[in-house]
Amino acid sequence: MAKLCPVCRVNMKRIYGSGETDLAIDIDKCPNCGGFWFDNQELFLISSEDAKKYDSEIIRQEIPKSASHDRICPNCQLPLVLLKDPELSKRMQVDICPKCLGLWLDQGEFLRYKEFQKEKIEKAKKEDAVQAVEILQKQHQTEGAGRFWRFLMQDVDQPYESTKETGGFGSNLESILMWLIRSVLSGLRR
């Protein structure tokens, strides 16, 4: 059974897309206003390529303007509410059903949301990389850790040579321990 558009109250068309993990996802699009209905979690899973394929920036000016409370959930028949997210509200208006957590995006907002999602992921990756570098720097600053990390980063197939730079790992016991560690690492890398 076709779902009714929360804005226009006409039957929406089912569109089949793919998720970022190659899952098949079906969403609903209004043929009149061009808006999209996403059942719980579909918006987050559907691929950016499908957003480019099915959505476009607002071209027509006659798209109905209505407040969130005038928009009705096609699943629960309850009024939608405006999603309060300061980062999202700068770019788009997302309406959500308080019961089933379905989301309504007007024409153009699906594409904008996927661009926003991509930016958030890239920002998180950069923050993770910066945090990893900071942790490594702290480890290198502790006494002896820098020498040990340099030792571990050496090619495991090259023979170990004790030098003044490595801090005199040349004693017999230390040489045996380093040989043992390198042997284990060599086995793990293969």
Protein backbone atom coordinates (compact mmCIF):
# COMPACT_ATOMS: atom_id res chain seq x y z
CA MET A 1 0.00 0.00 0.00
CA ALA A 2 1.38 3.39 -0.98
CA LYS A 3 2.11 5.92 1.70
CA LEU A 4 0.64 9.42 1.61
CA CYS A 5 2.98 12.38 1.29
CA PRO A 6 3.11 14.28 4.61
CA VAL A 7 2.79 17.59 2.74
CA CYS A 8 0.65 17.01 -0.38
CA ARG A 9 -1.39 14.00 0.84
CA VAL A 10 -0.90 12.16 -2.48
CA ASN A 11 0.39 8.62 -2.91
CA MET A 12 4.18 8.51 -2.89
CA LYS A 13 6.20 6.33 -5.26
CA ARG A 14 8.53 3.70 -3.88
CA ILE A 15 12.17 4.11 -4.94
CA TYR A 16 14.67 1.32 -4.54
CA GLY A 17 18.19 2.26 -3.60
CA SER A 18 21.24 0.70 -2.07
CA GLY A 19 22.84 1.27 1.26
CA GLU A 20 26.46 2.14 1.87
CA THR A 21 26.86 -1.54 2.79
CA ASP A 22 25.08 -2.81 -0.37
CA LEU A 23 21.81 -3.44 1.46
CA ALA A 24 18.66 -2.87 -0.58
CA ILE A 25 16.69 0.05 0.81
CA ASP A 26 13.33 1.32 -0.35
CA ILE A 27 12.27 4.89 0.31
CA ASP A 28 9.22 6.88 -0.67
CA LYS A 29 9.21 9.98 -2.88
CA CYS A 30 6.34 12.34 -3.53
CA PRO A 31 5.74 12.80 -7.29
CA ASN A 32 4.18 16.20 -6.61
CA CYS A 33 6.53 18.09 -4.26
CA GLY A 34 9.63 15.90 -4.68
CA GLY A 35 10.06 15.29 -0.93
CA PHE A 36 11.28 12.03 0.58
CA TRP A 37 10.03 9.83 3.42
CA PHE A 38 12.58 7.68 5.22
CA ASP A 39 11.48 5.03 7.68
CA ASN A 40 13.59 4.71 10.83
CA GLN A 41 17.34 4.63 9.97
CA GLU A 42 16.92 4.51 6.15
CA LEU A 43 18.31 8.03 5.69
CA PHE A 44 21.52 7.12 7.47
CA LEU A 45 21.99 3.89 5.53
CA ILE A 46 21.15 4.88 1.96
CA SER A 47 24.08 5.73 -0.29
CA SER A 48 25.13 9.21 -1.33
CA GLU A 49 24.98 8.06 -4.95
CA ASP A 50 21.25 7.45 -4.61
CA ALA A 51 20.82 10.98 -3.22
CA LYS A 52 22.53 12.34 -6.34
CA LYS A 53 20.43 10.05 -8.52
CA TYR A 54 16.99 10.78 -7.04
CA ASP A 55 17.17 14.24 -5.52
CA SER A 56 17.83 17.64 -6.99
CA GLU A 57 18.00 21.15 -5.68
CA ILE A 58 14.67 22.91 -5.43
CA ILE A 59 13.68 24.01 -8.90
CA ARG A 60 9.97 24.66 -8.55
CA GLN A 61 8.70 27.46 -6.35
CA GLU A 62 5.25 25.93 -5.86
CA ILE A 63 6.40 23.38 -3.28
CA PRO A 64 3.86 23.58 -0.48
CA LYS A 65 5.13 25.46 2.54
CA SER A 66 3.75 24.04 5.75
CA ALA A 67 4.72 23.90 9.37
CA SER A 68 5.91 20.59 10.79
CA HIS A 69 2.72 20.15 12.81
CA ASP A 70 0.71 20.34 9.55
CA ARG A 71 2.70 17.43 8.14
CA ILE A 72 1.34 13.98 8.99
CA CYS A 73 3.41 10.80 9.38
CA PRO A 74 2.48 8.36 6.61
CA ASN A 75 2.95 5.44 9.02
CA CYS A 76 1.42 6.60 12.33
CA GLN A 77 -0.87 9.43 11.17
CA LEU A 78 0.62 11.68 13.87
CA PRO A 79 1.83 15.25 13.30
CA LEU A 80 5.53 15.49 12.53
CA VAL A 81 7.78 17.65 14.70
CA LEU A 82 10.80 19.67 13.71
CA LEU A 83 14.06 17.91 14.54
CA LYS A 84 16.07 20.19 16.81
CA ASP A 85 19.70 19.93 15.74
CA PRO A 86 21.65 23.21 15.53
CA GLU A 87 24.01 21.88 12.87
CA LEU A 88 21.21 20.51 10.67
CA SER A 89 18.84 23.46 11.02
CA LYS A 90 21.44 25.74 9.42
CA ARG A 91 21.11 23.74 6.19
CA MET A 92 17.67 22.13 6.16
CA GLN A 93 14.45 21.47 8.00
CA VAL A 94 14.08 17.82 9.01
CA ASP A 95 10.68 16.68 10.22
CA ILE A 96 10.47 13.58 12.40
CA CYS A 97 7.68 11.36 13.67
CA PRO A 98 7.90 11.14 17.47
CA LYS A 99 6.52 7.57 17.43
CA CYS A 100 8.15 5.64 14.54
CA LEU A 101 11.14 8.03 14.09
CA GLY A 102 10.53 8.29 10.36
CA LEU A 103 11.99 11.39 8.69
CA TRP A 104 10.63 13.76 6.04
CA LEU A 105 12.97 15.81 3.86
CA ASP A 106 11.76 18.32 1.31
CA GLN A 107 13.14 18.32 -2.22
CA GLY A 108 16.86 19.12 -2.19
CA GLU A 109 17.29 18.28 1.48
CA PHE A 110 18.11 14.59 0.85
CA LEU A 111 21.11 15.65 -1.23
CA ARG A 112 22.11 18.31 1.32
CA TYR A 113 21.83 15.82 4.18
CA LYS A 114 24.12 13.31 2.48
CA GLU A 115 26.68 16.08 1.86
CA PHE A 116 26.38 17.06 5.55
CA GLN A 117 26.83 13.41 6.59
CA LYS A 118 29.94 13.09 4.40
CA GLU A 119 31.44 16.25 5.96
CA LYS A 120 30.76 14.91 9.47
CA ILE A 121 32.46 11.60 8.65
CA GLU A 122 35.52 13.34 7.16
CA LYS A 123 35.75 15.64 10.18
CA ALA A 124 35.58 12.66 12.55
CA LYS A 125 38.33 10.87 10.59
CA LYS A 126 40.58 13.92 10.82
CA GLU A 127 39.90 14.29 14.55
CA ASP A 128 40.71 10.59 15.07
CA ALA A 129 43.97 10.95 13.12
CA VAL A 130 44.99 14.01 15.12
CA GLN A 131 44.21 12.19 18.36
CA ALA A 132 46.28 9.16 17.27
CA VAL A 133 49.25 11.41 16.43
CA GLU A 134 48.97 13.13 19.82
CA ILE A 135 48.98 9.76 21.60
CA LEU A 136 52.03 8.62 19.64
CA GLN A 137 53.83 11.88 20.41
CA LYS A 138 53.14 11.45 24.12
CA GLN A 139 54.49 7.91 23.97
CA HIS A 140 57.62 9.11 22.16
CA GLN A 141 58.19 11.77 24.81
CA THR A 142 58.35 9.29 27.65
CA GLU A 143 61.84 8.00 28.52
CA GLY A 144 62.91 5.18 26.23
CA ALA A 145 59.62 4.90 24.39
CA GLY A 146 60.96 6.73 21.35
CA ARG A 147 63.86 4.35 21.00
CA PHE A 148 61.61 1.34 21.43
CA TRP A 149 59.10 2.62 18.83
CA ARG A 150 61.90 3.29 16.34
CA PHE A 151 63.14 -0.24 16.97
CA LEU A 152 59.68 -1.71 16.34
CA MET A 153 59.26 0.33 13.16
CA GLN A 154 62.44 -1.09 11.62
CA ASP A 155 62.18 -3.70 8.91
CA VAL A 156 61.87 -7.06 10.68
CA ASP A 157 63.88 -8.83 7.98
CA GLN A 158 66.93 -6.65 8.62
CA PRO A 159 69.38 -7.82 11.30
CA TYR A 160 69.24 -5.88 14.55
CA GLU A 161 72.29 -3.78 15.29
CA SER A 162 72.83 -2.06 18.57
CA THR A 163 73.84 1.58 18.22
CA LYS A 164 74.19 4.52 20.52
CA GLU A 165 70.98 5.92 18.97
CA THR A 166 68.97 2.94 20.18
CA GLY A 167 70.24 3.56 23.68
CA GLY A 168 72.56 0.59 24.07
CA PHE A 169 70.11 -2.25 23.57
CA GLY A 170 73.27 -4.24 22.97
CA SER A 171 73.62 -6.15 26.22
CA ASN A 172 73.11 -9.89 25.89
CA LEU A 173 69.77 -10.03 27.70
CA GLU A 174 68.42 -7.02 25.84
CA SER A 175 69.64 -8.41 22.50
CA ILE A 176 67.87 -11.70 23.16
CA LEU A 177 64.65 -9.92 24.14
CA MET A 178 64.77 -7.71 21.06
CA TRP A 179 65.42 -10.73 18.86
CA LEU A 180 62.42 -12.48 20.44
CA ILE A 181 60.14 -9.46 19.96
CA ARG A 182 61.21 -9.05 16.32
CA SER A 183 60.68 -12.74 15.67
CA VAL A 184 57.14 -12.56 17.04
CA LEU A 185 56.42 -9.39 15.04
CA SER A 186 57.84 -10.99 11.93
CA GLY A 187 55.49 -13.95 12.35
CA LEU A 188 52.48 -11.64 12.84
CA ARG A 189 53.23 -9.59 9.73
CA ARG A 190 53.32 -12.64 7.49
